[in-house]
Every structure is written in structure tokens, then in C-alpha cells.
Amino acid sequence: MQFPVPIPFVDHLGFELVRFADGQAEIHLELRPELLNSFLVAHGGVSMTLLDVVMAHAARSVVPDSGAVTIEMKTSFFRPGEGRLRAVGRLLHRSATMAFTEGHVYGGHGELCAHATGTFKYVKRLPAGHGGRAIKALNRPGEDEASAQDPHPRTDRPR
């Protein structure tokens, strides 16, 4: 299954979207040497990114035309992640603009490695630019950068 919106960092890490529906998401990751820490287990940043992405996708699964940006996230680690990781995210509650989620990462033998809760804000477009307030559309398959630009950029701030 393809991610509904291409995310270059997620592609680089090798995440595989397995489920994206009904307030739930599941993502798998085959650990590679460059994703390990000095103890040769999943780096905590990899586990946290996996949790962040699976929870955001659980939130987005009920509002697929919207983006979801992380407002806050709390993660607890229980044991090292080893082997093929499986992350499961679930939407707990949502409003028109916010989503409250939880996620779990399981190791290659099914053991719980990490748990997180997260709050996400639903957005149509994301602010982008180098210090400016230009608006950048979500990266959608088949769109080039020119067609994704906001036709009405903000001009009320000095550049």
C-alpha cells in the first residue's frame, strides 16, 4: 500500500504502510544497520518517528484530504526494538481541528517496545519557506511544485 501523501523522510527510512482506514494505521519497518544505535538496536529517534507517523496516519485515515501536524507527543520506551518493527496507531478522539491518538511499536517477536500518545492538528496546507509566511500545499502524487503553490501568498509582512 502506498502512503497517501509522499513524505521523503519516511521513504528514506523505509516505512511500509500496511493499514490506513477507520481511525487505524499500521506501518512496518525492517531495521537496517544505519537505523541502529550504539547498542545495535533501533535508535530511539527511529522508534519515535515511527510512532509519530503511524499516529498521524491514524488521525488522517478519517479525514484523508487533510494533513495532520504534530502538536505534542509523549513516548515511553519499554525494551529495545529489534528485527522487523510493527507500529500500530489508533485515533482515540477527534474534533473538527484536533486528533488525539495512541501508538505502539512491537519488535520482531511481537514484544511491546514503545508506546506513545499524540495530539495532532488537522491542516489543509502547511506554512513553509525560509523565515517567510508563504503557504505550501501538501505534496500530492502527480503535482509539480508550481501547481502546488498558493495563488494568494501573504504579502502583509516584510521579507
N, C-alpha and C. Protein backbone atom coordinates (compact mmCIF):
# COMPACT_ATOMS: atom_id res chain seq x y z
N MET A 1 0.85 -1.17 0.00
CA MET A 1 0.00 0.00 0.00
C MET A 1 0.90 1.24 0.00
N GLN A 2 0.53 2.23 -0.80
CA GLN A 2 1.31 3.46 -0.85
C GLN A 2 0.81 4.46 0.19
N PHE A 3 1.74 5.28 0.69
CA PHE A 3 1.35 6.37 1.57
C PHE A 3 0.52 7.35 0.75
N PRO A 4 -0.57 7.89 1.32
CA PRO A 4 -1.44 8.78 0.56
C PRO A 4 -0.77 10.10 0.17
N VAL A 5 0.19 10.54 0.95
CA VAL A 5 0.96 11.74 0.65
C VAL A 5 2.43 11.36 0.77
N PRO A 6 3.21 11.55 -0.30
CA PRO A 6 4.63 11.21 -0.22
C PRO A 6 5.36 12.04 0.84
N ILE A 7 6.15 11.38 1.67
CA ILE A 7 6.95 12.02 2.71
C ILE A 7 8.39 11.56 2.49
N PRO A 8 9.24 12.41 1.94
CA PRO A 8 10.60 11.97 1.60
C PRO A 8 11.36 11.32 2.76
N PHE A 9 11.26 11.86 3.97
CA PHE A 9 11.97 11.28 5.11
C PHE A 9 11.48 9.87 5.41
N VAL A 10 10.17 9.66 5.34
CA VAL A 10 9.58 8.33 5.57
C VAL A 10 10.05 7.35 4.50
N ASP A 11 10.09 7.81 3.24
CA ASP A 11 10.60 6.97 2.16
C ASP A 11 12.06 6.58 2.42
N HIS A 12 12.85 7.54 2.86
CA HIS A 12 14.27 7.31 3.15
C HIS A 12 14.45 6.26 4.25
N LEU A 13 13.61 6.32 5.28
CA LEU A 13 13.71 5.36 6.37
C LEU A 13 13.23 3.97 5.98
N GLY A 14 12.36 3.88 4.98
CA GLY A 14 11.89 2.58 4.51
C GLY A 14 10.59 2.12 5.15
N PHE A 15 9.78 3.04 5.63
CA PHE A 15 8.50 2.66 6.24
C PHE A 15 7.58 2.04 5.19
N GLU A 16 6.82 1.03 5.59
CA GLU A 16 5.85 0.36 4.72
C GLU A 16 4.46 0.50 5.33
N LEU A 17 3.57 1.20 4.64
CA LEU A 17 2.20 1.36 5.11
C LEU A 17 1.42 0.08 4.84
N VAL A 18 0.84 -0.50 5.90
CA VAL A 18 0.11 -1.76 5.80
C VAL A 18 -1.40 -1.54 5.96
N ARG A 19 -1.76 -0.59 6.82
CA ARG A 19 -3.19 -0.29 7.07
C ARG A 19 -3.37 1.21 7.22
N PHE A 20 -4.48 1.73 6.65
CA PHE A 20 -4.81 3.15 6.71
C PHE A 20 -6.31 3.29 6.51
N ALA A 21 -7.08 3.07 7.58
CA ALA A 21 -8.54 3.12 7.46
C ALA A 21 -9.19 3.15 8.83
N ASP A 22 -10.35 3.79 8.88
CA ASP A 22 -11.24 3.70 10.05
C ASP A 22 -10.57 4.07 11.38
N GLY A 23 -9.75 5.10 11.37
CA GLY A 23 -9.10 5.54 12.60
C GLY A 23 -7.94 4.68 13.04
N GLN A 24 -7.44 3.84 12.14
CA GLN A 24 -6.31 2.98 12.47
C GLN A 24 -5.26 3.03 11.36
N ALA A 25 -4.02 2.82 11.76
CA ALA A 25 -2.93 2.72 10.79
C ALA A 25 -1.93 1.70 11.31
N GLU A 26 -1.23 1.06 10.37
CA GLU A 26 -0.17 0.12 10.72
C GLU A 26 0.97 0.33 9.74
N ILE A 27 2.18 0.41 10.28
CA ILE A 27 3.38 0.63 9.48
C ILE A 27 4.44 -0.36 9.94
N HIS A 28 5.15 -0.96 8.99
CA HIS A 28 6.24 -1.88 9.29
C HIS A 28 7.57 -1.25 8.88
N LEU A 29 8.62 -1.69 9.56
CA LEU A 29 9.97 -1.21 9.25
C LEU A 29 10.96 -2.34 9.48
N GLU A 30 11.69 -2.67 8.43
CA GLU A 30 12.79 -3.64 8.56
C GLU A 30 14.02 -2.84 8.97
N LEU A 31 14.53 -3.13 10.16
CA LEU A 31 15.70 -2.39 10.64
C LEU A 31 16.93 -2.71 9.80
N ARG A 32 17.69 -1.65 9.52
CA ARG A 32 18.95 -1.76 8.79
C ARG A 32 20.05 -1.19 9.69
N PRO A 33 21.31 -1.50 9.43
CA PRO A 33 22.39 -1.04 10.30
C PRO A 33 22.41 0.47 10.55
N GLU A 34 22.06 1.27 9.55
CA GLU A 34 22.11 2.72 9.72
C GLU A 34 20.96 3.26 10.58
N LEU A 35 20.02 2.41 10.98
CA LEU A 35 18.91 2.83 11.83
C LEU A 35 19.11 2.41 13.29
N LEU A 36 20.28 1.86 13.59
CA LEU A 36 20.57 1.34 14.92
C LEU A 36 21.38 2.34 15.74
N ASN A 37 21.33 2.17 17.06
CA ASN A 37 22.16 2.98 17.94
C ASN A 37 23.45 2.22 18.27
N SER A 38 24.22 2.70 19.23
CA SER A 38 25.50 2.06 19.56
C SER A 38 25.33 0.69 20.25
N PHE A 39 24.12 0.36 20.70
CA PHE A 39 23.84 -0.96 21.27
C PHE A 39 23.32 -1.93 20.21
N LEU A 40 23.27 -1.46 18.96
CA LEU A 40 22.82 -2.25 17.81
C LEU A 40 21.34 -2.67 17.90
N VAL A 41 20.52 -1.76 18.44
CA VAL A 41 19.07 -1.89 18.45
C VAL A 41 18.49 -0.61 17.84
N ALA A 42 17.20 -0.59 17.58
CA ALA A 42 16.58 0.57 16.94
C ALA A 42 16.91 1.85 17.70
N HIS A 43 17.37 2.85 17.00
CA HIS A 43 17.62 4.15 17.60
C HIS A 43 16.29 4.71 18.10
N GLY A 44 16.29 5.37 19.25
CA GLY A 44 15.06 5.93 19.80
C GLY A 44 14.39 6.91 18.85
N GLY A 45 15.17 7.64 18.08
CA GLY A 45 14.61 8.58 17.11
C GLY A 45 13.85 7.87 16.00
N VAL A 46 14.30 6.69 15.63
CA VAL A 46 13.60 5.89 14.62
C VAL A 46 12.26 5.43 15.19
N SER A 47 12.28 4.94 16.43
CA SER A 47 11.04 4.49 17.06
C SER A 47 10.07 5.64 17.23
N MET A 48 10.56 6.80 17.64
CA MET A 48 9.68 7.95 17.82
C MET A 48 9.12 8.44 16.49
N THR A 49 9.91 8.41 15.45
CA THR A 49 9.42 8.81 14.12
C THR A 49 8.35 7.82 13.66
N LEU A 50 8.59 6.55 13.88
CA LEU A 50 7.61 5.52 13.52
C LEU A 50 6.29 5.77 14.25
N LEU A 51 6.36 6.06 15.54
CA LEU A 51 5.16 6.36 16.32
C LEU A 51 4.47 7.63 15.82
N ASP A 52 5.23 8.66 15.57
CA ASP A 52 4.67 9.93 15.08
C ASP A 52 3.92 9.72 13.77
N VAL A 53 4.53 9.01 12.85
CA VAL A 53 3.93 8.80 11.53
C VAL A 53 2.71 7.89 11.61
N VAL A 54 2.76 6.83 12.41
CA VAL A 54 1.61 5.92 12.48
C VAL A 54 0.43 6.59 13.18
N MET A 55 0.69 7.43 14.18
CA MET A 55 -0.41 8.13 14.85
C MET A 55 -1.01 9.19 13.93
N ALA A 56 -0.17 9.91 13.20
CA ALA A 56 -0.68 10.91 12.25
C ALA A 56 -1.54 10.25 11.18
N HIS A 57 -1.12 9.08 10.72
CA HIS A 57 -1.91 8.38 9.71
C HIS A 57 -3.22 7.83 10.28
N ALA A 58 -3.23 7.41 11.53
CA ALA A 58 -4.48 7.01 12.16
C ALA A 58 -5.44 8.20 12.20
N ALA A 59 -4.92 9.37 12.54
CA ALA A 59 -5.73 10.59 12.57
C ALA A 59 -6.23 10.95 11.18
N ARG A 60 -5.36 10.87 10.19
CA ARG A 60 -5.72 11.24 8.82
C ARG A 60 -6.65 10.23 8.15
N SER A 61 -6.69 9.02 8.65
CA SER A 61 -7.49 7.99 7.98
C SER A 61 -8.98 8.32 7.95
N VAL A 62 -9.44 9.17 8.85
CA VAL A 62 -10.85 9.55 8.86
C VAL A 62 -11.08 10.89 8.17
N VAL A 63 -10.00 11.60 7.83
CA VAL A 63 -10.07 12.87 7.11
C VAL A 63 -8.96 12.84 6.05
N PRO A 64 -9.09 11.97 5.04
CA PRO A 64 -7.96 11.73 4.13
C PRO A 64 -7.51 12.92 3.29
N ASP A 65 -8.36 13.94 3.11
CA ASP A 65 -7.95 15.11 2.32
C ASP A 65 -7.22 16.15 3.15
N SER A 66 -6.99 15.88 4.40
CA SER A 66 -6.34 16.83 5.28
C SER A 66 -4.97 16.32 5.70
N GLY A 67 -4.10 17.24 6.04
CA GLY A 67 -2.83 16.88 6.66
C GLY A 67 -3.02 16.83 8.17
N ALA A 68 -2.06 16.30 8.87
CA ALA A 68 -2.08 16.28 10.34
C ALA A 68 -0.69 16.61 10.83
N VAL A 69 -0.56 17.70 11.57
CA VAL A 69 0.74 18.09 12.10
C VAL A 69 0.78 17.83 13.60
N THR A 70 1.92 17.42 14.07
CA THR A 70 2.09 17.05 15.48
C THR A 70 2.09 18.30 16.35
N ILE A 71 1.23 18.28 17.37
CA ILE A 71 1.20 19.35 18.36
C ILE A 71 2.01 18.94 19.59
N GLU A 72 1.81 17.72 20.04
CA GLU A 72 2.61 17.18 21.15
C GLU A 72 2.61 15.67 21.08
N MET A 73 3.64 15.09 21.72
CA MET A 73 3.80 13.65 21.70
C MET A 73 4.56 13.23 22.96
N LYS A 74 4.09 12.17 23.60
CA LYS A 74 4.78 11.61 24.76
C LYS A 74 5.08 10.16 24.46
N THR A 75 6.32 9.77 24.65
CA THR A 75 6.74 8.41 24.33
C THR A 75 7.36 7.74 25.56
N SER A 76 7.02 6.48 25.74
CA SER A 76 7.64 5.65 26.78
C SER A 76 8.27 4.44 26.10
N PHE A 77 9.50 4.14 26.48
CA PHE A 77 10.22 3.00 25.92
C PHE A 77 10.24 1.88 26.96
N PHE A 78 9.94 0.65 26.51
CA PHE A 78 9.89 -0.48 27.41
C PHE A 78 11.04 -1.46 27.21
N ARG A 79 11.40 -1.69 25.96
CA ARG A 79 12.51 -2.59 25.67
C ARG A 79 13.07 -2.22 24.30
N PRO A 80 14.26 -2.68 23.98
CA PRO A 80 14.87 -2.34 22.69
C PRO A 80 14.07 -2.90 21.51
N GLY A 81 14.02 -2.12 20.45
CA GLY A 81 13.40 -2.59 19.21
C GLY A 81 14.42 -3.35 18.39
N GLU A 82 14.05 -4.58 18.04
CA GLU A 82 14.94 -5.41 17.22
C GLU A 82 14.12 -6.14 16.16
N GLY A 83 14.77 -6.45 15.05
CA GLY A 83 14.11 -7.18 13.98
C GLY A 83 13.19 -6.29 13.16
N ARG A 84 12.15 -6.88 12.64
CA ARG A 84 11.16 -6.13 11.85
C ARG A 84 10.16 -5.49 12.82
N LEU A 85 10.14 -4.15 12.85
CA LEU A 85 9.26 -3.44 13.76
C LEU A 85 7.87 -3.29 13.14
N ARG A 86 6.86 -3.33 14.02
CA ARG A 86 5.47 -3.13 13.60
C ARG A 86 4.88 -2.05 14.49
N ALA A 87 4.42 -0.98 13.87
CA ALA A 87 3.80 0.12 14.61
C ALA A 87 2.30 0.14 14.30
N VAL A 88 1.51 0.31 15.36
CA VAL A 88 0.07 0.38 15.22
C VAL A 88 -0.40 1.67 15.86
N GLY A 89 -1.20 2.44 15.12
CA GLY A 89 -1.74 3.69 15.64
C GLY A 89 -3.24 3.65 15.65
N ARG A 90 -3.84 4.38 16.62
CA ARG A 90 -5.29 4.38 16.77
C ARG A 90 -5.76 5.77 17.14
N LEU A 91 -6.79 6.23 16.46
CA LEU A 91 -7.43 7.50 16.79
C LEU A 91 -8.34 7.27 17.99
N LEU A 92 -8.11 8.03 19.06
CA LEU A 92 -8.92 7.89 20.27
C LEU A 92 -10.12 8.82 20.25
N HIS A 93 -9.91 10.06 19.76
CA HIS A 93 -10.96 11.07 19.74
C HIS A 93 -10.54 12.15 18.76
N ARG A 94 -11.55 12.79 18.13
CA ARG A 94 -11.23 13.91 17.25
C ARG A 94 -12.30 14.96 17.35
N SER A 95 -11.87 16.18 17.04
CA SER A 95 -12.78 17.29 16.88
C SER A 95 -12.63 17.76 15.43
N ALA A 96 -13.19 18.90 15.10
CA ALA A 96 -13.06 19.40 13.73
C ALA A 96 -11.61 19.74 13.39
N THR A 97 -10.82 20.11 14.39
CA THR A 97 -9.45 20.56 14.10
C THR A 97 -8.36 19.76 14.80
N MET A 98 -8.70 18.90 15.75
CA MET A 98 -7.69 18.19 16.53
C MET A 98 -7.97 16.69 16.57
N ALA A 99 -6.89 15.91 16.70
CA ALA A 99 -6.99 14.46 16.83
C ALA A 99 -6.13 14.02 18.01
N PHE A 100 -6.65 13.09 18.78
CA PHE A 100 -5.95 12.54 19.94
C PHE A 100 -5.73 11.05 19.65
N THR A 101 -4.49 10.62 19.73
CA THR A 101 -4.12 9.28 19.25
C THR A 101 -3.23 8.55 20.24
N GLU A 102 -3.05 7.26 19.98
CA GLU A 102 -2.04 6.48 20.69
C GLU A 102 -1.38 5.54 19.68
N GLY A 103 -0.16 5.14 20.00
CA GLY A 103 0.56 4.23 19.12
C GLY A 103 1.43 3.29 19.91
N HIS A 104 1.70 2.13 19.29
CA HIS A 104 2.56 1.11 19.90
C HIS A 104 3.56 0.63 18.86
N VAL A 105 4.77 0.34 19.30
CA VAL A 105 5.77 -0.30 18.44
C VAL A 105 6.07 -1.66 19.05
N TYR A 106 6.00 -2.68 18.18
CA TYR A 106 6.29 -4.05 18.59
C TYR A 106 7.54 -4.52 17.87
N GLY A 107 8.37 -5.30 18.57
CA GLY A 107 9.59 -5.85 17.99
C GLY A 107 9.31 -7.08 17.14
N GLY A 108 10.36 -7.62 16.59
CA GLY A 108 10.27 -8.75 15.68
C GLY A 108 9.63 -10.01 16.24
N HIS A 109 9.60 -10.14 17.56
CA HIS A 109 8.98 -11.32 18.18
C HIS A 109 7.64 -10.97 18.82
N GLY A 110 7.10 -9.78 18.49
CA GLY A 110 5.79 -9.37 18.98
C GLY A 110 5.78 -8.68 20.33
N GLU A 111 6.94 -8.44 20.92
CA GLU A 111 7.02 -7.80 22.23
C GLU A 111 6.82 -6.28 22.11
N LEU A 112 6.12 -5.69 23.09
CA LEU A 112 5.90 -4.25 23.10
C LEU A 112 7.21 -3.54 23.42
N CYS A 113 7.62 -2.65 22.53
CA CYS A 113 8.88 -1.92 22.71
C CYS A 113 8.66 -0.48 23.14
N ALA A 114 7.62 0.17 22.63
CA ALA A 114 7.37 1.57 22.95
C ALA A 114 5.90 1.89 22.79
N HIS A 115 5.46 2.90 23.54
CA HIS A 115 4.08 3.38 23.49
C HIS A 115 4.13 4.90 23.45
N ALA A 116 3.18 5.50 22.74
CA ALA A 116 3.11 6.96 22.69
C ALA A 116 1.67 7.42 22.63
N THR A 117 1.46 8.64 23.09
CA THR A 117 0.22 9.34 22.84
C THR A 117 0.59 10.61 22.09
N GLY A 118 -0.31 11.07 21.25
CA GLY A 118 -0.02 12.27 20.47
C GLY A 118 -1.27 13.07 20.17
N THR A 119 -1.07 14.37 20.03
CA THR A 119 -2.13 15.29 19.64
C THR A 119 -1.72 15.90 18.31
N PHE A 120 -2.64 15.90 17.36
CA PHE A 120 -2.38 16.38 16.01
C PHE A 120 -3.42 17.41 15.62
N LYS A 121 -3.00 18.37 14.83
CA LYS A 121 -3.90 19.39 14.30
C LYS A 121 -4.14 19.09 12.84
N TYR A 122 -5.41 19.06 12.44
CA TYR A 122 -5.75 18.88 11.03
C TYR A 122 -5.49 20.19 10.30
N VAL A 123 -4.79 20.10 9.16
CA VAL A 123 -4.49 21.28 8.36
C VAL A 123 -4.70 20.96 6.88
N LYS A 124 -5.07 21.98 6.13
CA LYS A 124 -5.20 21.82 4.68
C LYS A 124 -3.86 22.09 4.00
N ARG A 125 -3.17 23.12 4.45
CA ARG A 125 -1.88 23.47 3.87
C ARG A 125 -0.90 23.79 4.98
N LEU A 126 0.38 23.67 4.67
CA LEU A 126 1.41 23.87 5.68
C LEU A 126 2.23 25.13 5.39
N PRO A 127 2.52 25.93 6.43
CA PRO A 127 3.42 27.07 6.21
C PRO A 127 4.81 26.55 5.86
N ALA A 128 5.46 27.22 4.94
CA ALA A 128 6.81 26.81 4.54
C ALA A 128 7.60 28.04 4.13
N GLY A 129 8.85 27.86 3.89
CA GLY A 129 9.69 28.95 3.43
C GLY A 129 10.81 29.22 4.41
N HIS A 130 11.68 30.09 4.01
CA HIS A 130 12.84 30.44 4.82
C HIS A 130 12.56 31.73 5.56
N GLY A 131 11.87 31.61 6.70
CA GLY A 131 11.58 32.78 7.51
C GLY A 131 10.36 33.55 7.04
N GLY A 132 9.83 33.22 5.88
CA GLY A 132 8.65 33.91 5.36
C GLY A 132 7.38 33.23 5.82
N ARG A 133 6.27 33.73 5.37
CA ARG A 133 4.98 33.17 5.74
C ARG A 133 4.26 32.62 4.52
N ALA A 134 5.01 32.19 3.51
CA ALA A 134 4.39 31.62 2.32
C ALA A 134 3.71 30.31 2.70
N ILE A 135 2.69 29.95 1.96
CA ILE A 135 1.94 28.73 2.22
C ILE A 135 2.30 27.71 1.14
N LYS A 136 2.54 26.48 1.57
CA LYS A 136 2.89 25.42 0.65
C LYS A 136 1.86 24.31 0.78
N ALA A 137 1.35 23.86 -0.35
CA ALA A 137 0.35 22.79 -0.34
C ALA A 137 0.98 21.46 0.03
N LEU A 138 0.14 20.51 0.45
CA LEU A 138 0.62 19.16 0.70
C LEU A 138 1.19 18.58 -0.58
N ASN A 139 2.20 17.79 -0.47
CA ASN A 139 2.82 17.11 -1.60
C ASN A 139 1.90 15.97 -2.03
N ARG A 140 1.27 16.11 -3.17
CA ARG A 140 0.36 15.08 -3.68
C ARG A 140 1.00 14.40 -4.88
N PRO A 141 0.79 13.10 -5.06
CA PRO A 141 1.35 12.41 -6.22
C PRO A 141 0.87 13.08 -7.51
N GLY A 142 1.78 13.29 -8.45
CA GLY A 142 1.45 13.84 -9.75
C GLY A 142 1.43 15.36 -9.81
N GLU A 143 1.62 16.05 -8.69
CA GLU A 143 1.67 17.51 -8.71
C GLU A 143 3.12 17.95 -8.77
N ASP A 144 3.38 18.99 -9.56
CA ASP A 144 4.71 19.58 -9.50
C ASP A 144 4.67 20.78 -8.56
N GLU A 145 5.83 21.32 -8.24
CA GLU A 145 5.91 22.39 -7.25
C GLU A 145 5.14 23.62 -7.69
N ALA A 146 5.17 23.96 -8.97
CA ALA A 146 4.49 25.16 -9.46
C ALA A 146 2.98 25.06 -9.27
N SER A 147 2.39 23.89 -9.50
CA SER A 147 0.94 23.75 -9.37
C SER A 147 0.51 23.69 -7.92
N ALA A 148 1.45 23.43 -7.01
CA ALA A 148 1.11 23.32 -5.59
C ALA A 148 1.25 24.65 -4.86
N GLN A 149 1.73 25.69 -5.51
CA GLN A 149 1.93 26.98 -4.85
C GLN A 149 0.61 27.67 -4.58
N ASP A 150 0.54 28.42 -3.50
CA ASP A 150 -0.65 29.17 -3.15
C ASP A 150 -0.80 30.35 -4.11
N PRO A 151 -1.94 30.49 -4.77
CA PRO A 151 -2.12 31.61 -5.69
C PRO A 151 -2.30 32.94 -4.97
N HIS A 152 -2.47 32.92 -3.65
CA HIS A 152 -2.68 34.15 -2.88
C HIS A 152 -1.72 34.20 -1.70
N PRO A 153 -0.41 34.35 -1.96
CA PRO A 153 0.54 34.37 -0.83
C PRO A 153 0.34 35.62 0.02
N ARG A 154 0.70 35.49 1.29
CA ARG A 154 0.59 36.63 2.19
C ARG A 154 1.65 37.65 1.84
N THR A 155 1.25 38.90 1.76
CA THR A 155 2.19 39.97 1.43
C THR A 155 2.20 41.05 2.49
N ASP A 156 1.56 40.79 3.62
CA ASP A 156 1.45 41.82 4.65
C ASP A 156 2.63 41.84 5.61
N ARG A 157 3.64 41.06 5.36
CA ARG A 157 4.83 41.03 6.23
C ARG A 157 6.06 41.38 5.42
N PRO A 158 7.01 42.10 6.07
CA PRO A 158 8.27 42.41 5.35
C PRO A 158 9.03 41.14 5.05
N ARG A 159 9.76 41.16 3.99
CA ARG A 159 10.56 39.99 3.60
C ARG A 159 11.99 40.18 3.95
